[in-house]
Amino acid sequence: MGATFESVASGFAPGALAASVFGLLSPNTPLSAWTPLAGPGCFQFASPEAIALVVPQAAIATGSMRIPNTASHAGLVLFHQFLQLEPGGSLQPTLVSSSNGLRLSLGTF
């Protein structure tokens, strides 16, 4: 509480864009339900209440969220993950993939 949550994901493809996604739910939905461009085995583990576009540097993306120092947020559960939009080559389609998901409980250790 009253701090900044930071996360790091690695393994992004050259030229890829990332989205840092925070949500109140974990839908656990295959990305293929949203787009035919989804990689195999990729899932949506965070609902999209807050999304920030991130440009990975040296295949690493970082995301952060300021957590207010308010008692009303204690016990709040958030979910977080990164999504990758990887540009395809000249004859290759764009690929959408996802990181693992995180479950955050605010104010608890």
Protein backbone atom coordinates (compact mmCIF):
# COMPACT_ATOMS: atom_id res chain seq x y z
CA MET A 1 0.00 0.00 0.00
CA GLY A 2 1.31 3.45 -0.86
CA ALA A 3 3.96 1.99 -3.19
CA THR A 4 4.41 1.11 -6.84
CA PHE A 5 4.00 -2.45 -8.10
CA GLU A 6 6.50 -3.25 -10.85
CA SER A 7 6.72 -6.34 -13.04
CA VAL A 8 9.11 -7.47 -15.74
CA ALA A 9 8.58 -9.93 -18.59
CA SER A 10 11.27 -11.18 -20.95
CA GLY A 11 11.44 -13.02 -24.25
CA PHE A 12 9.75 -10.46 -26.49
CA ALA A 13 10.43 -10.76 -30.21
CA PRO A 14 12.36 -8.04 -32.05
CA GLY A 15 9.99 -5.28 -33.11
CA ALA A 16 7.17 -6.53 -30.86
CA LEU A 17 4.87 -4.30 -28.85
CA ALA A 18 3.62 -5.23 -25.40
CA ALA A 19 0.53 -4.41 -23.40
CA SER A 20 0.70 -4.41 -19.61
CA VAL A 21 -2.79 -5.51 -18.52
CA PHE A 22 -4.31 -5.13 -15.05
CA GLY A 23 -7.77 -6.37 -14.18
CA LEU A 24 -10.19 -7.25 -11.42
CA LEU A 25 -10.94 -10.72 -12.83
CA SER A 26 -9.00 -13.63 -14.29
CA PRO A 27 -11.08 -14.89 -17.22
CA ASN A 28 -8.67 -17.77 -18.02
CA THR A 29 -9.88 -17.57 -21.62
CA PRO A 30 -7.83 -18.83 -24.59
CA LEU A 31 -6.67 -15.86 -26.67
CA SER A 32 -7.93 -17.78 -29.70
CA ALA A 33 -11.46 -16.95 -28.49
CA TRP A 34 -10.63 -13.28 -29.20
CA THR A 35 -8.46 -13.52 -32.31
CA PRO A 36 -7.32 -16.09 -34.86
CA LEU A 37 -3.82 -14.56 -34.55
CA ALA A 38 -3.33 -16.04 -31.06
CA GLY A 39 -0.41 -18.33 -30.41
CA PRO A 40 -1.14 -21.89 -29.26
CA GLY A 41 -1.53 -22.27 -25.50
CA CYS A 42 -1.93 -18.52 -24.88
CA PHE A 43 -4.56 -17.39 -22.38
CA GLN A 44 -6.05 -14.15 -21.06
CA PHE A 45 -5.37 -14.19 -17.31
CA ALA A 46 -6.28 -10.54 -16.56
CA SER A 47 -9.45 -8.70 -17.51
CA PRO A 48 -8.67 -5.42 -19.33
CA GLU A 49 -9.62 -2.73 -16.80
CA ALA A 50 -6.23 -0.97 -17.21
CA ILE A 51 -3.97 -1.37 -20.23
CA ALA A 52 -0.67 0.38 -20.92
CA LEU A 53 1.25 0.08 -24.17
CA VAL A 54 4.90 -0.82 -23.56
CA VAL A 55 7.80 -0.87 -26.02
CA PRO A 56 10.14 -3.70 -24.97
CA GLN A 57 13.84 -2.88 -24.73
CA ALA A 58 16.30 -5.73 -25.41
CA ALA A 59 13.37 -8.22 -25.36
CA ILE A 60 12.26 -7.05 -21.88
CA ALA A 61 9.03 -5.22 -21.01
CA THR A 62 8.31 -3.55 -17.68
CA GLY A 63 4.99 -2.47 -16.28
CA SER A 64 4.01 -0.64 -13.13
CA MET A 65 0.97 0.54 -11.21
CA ARG A 66 0.84 2.96 -8.32
CA ILE A 67 -1.06 1.48 -5.36
CA PRO A 68 -2.78 4.20 -3.27
CA ASN A 69 -2.19 4.24 0.47
CA THR A 70 -5.87 3.92 1.35
CA ALA A 71 -7.38 1.42 3.75
CA SER A 72 -10.30 0.85 1.36
CA HIS A 73 -7.89 -0.87 -1.07
CA ALA A 74 -6.65 -3.38 1.52
CA GLY A 75 -7.59 -6.89 0.47
CA LEU A 76 -8.33 -5.89 -3.14
CA VAL A 77 -7.27 -8.60 -5.59
CA LEU A 78 -5.81 -7.61 -8.98
CA PHE A 79 -4.61 -9.73 -11.88
CA HIS A 80 -1.74 -8.80 -14.18
CA GLN A 81 -0.08 -10.09 -17.34
CA PHE A 82 1.64 -8.93 -20.52
CA LEU A 83 0.36 -9.46 -24.05
CA GLN A 84 2.71 -9.41 -27.04
CA LEU A 85 1.88 -8.23 -30.54
CA GLU A 86 4.61 -9.65 -32.74
CA PRO A 87 4.77 -8.33 -36.30
CA GLY A 88 4.94 -10.98 -38.99
CA GLY A 89 7.40 -11.12 -41.85
CA SER A 90 6.57 -10.43 -45.47
CA LEU A 91 4.45 -13.57 -45.81
CA GLN A 92 3.85 -14.21 -42.10
CA PRO A 93 0.78 -13.12 -40.11
CA THR A 94 1.02 -11.05 -36.95
CA LEU A 95 1.08 -13.15 -33.77
CA VAL A 96 -0.58 -12.35 -30.43
CA SER A 97 0.80 -14.16 -27.38
CA SER A 98 0.65 -13.82 -23.61
CA SER A 99 2.76 -14.14 -20.50
CA ASN A 100 1.84 -16.05 -17.40
CA GLY A 101 -0.60 -14.30 -15.09
CA LEU A 102 -0.04 -12.84 -11.62
CA ARG A 103 -2.57 -12.61 -8.78
CA LEU A 104 -1.94 -9.64 -6.47
CA SER A 105 -3.53 -9.18 -3.04
CA LEU A 106 -3.11 -5.61 -1.87
CA GLY A 107 -2.04 -4.99 1.70
CA THR A 108 -1.20 -8.62 2.51
CA PHE A 109 2.12 -10.43 2.77
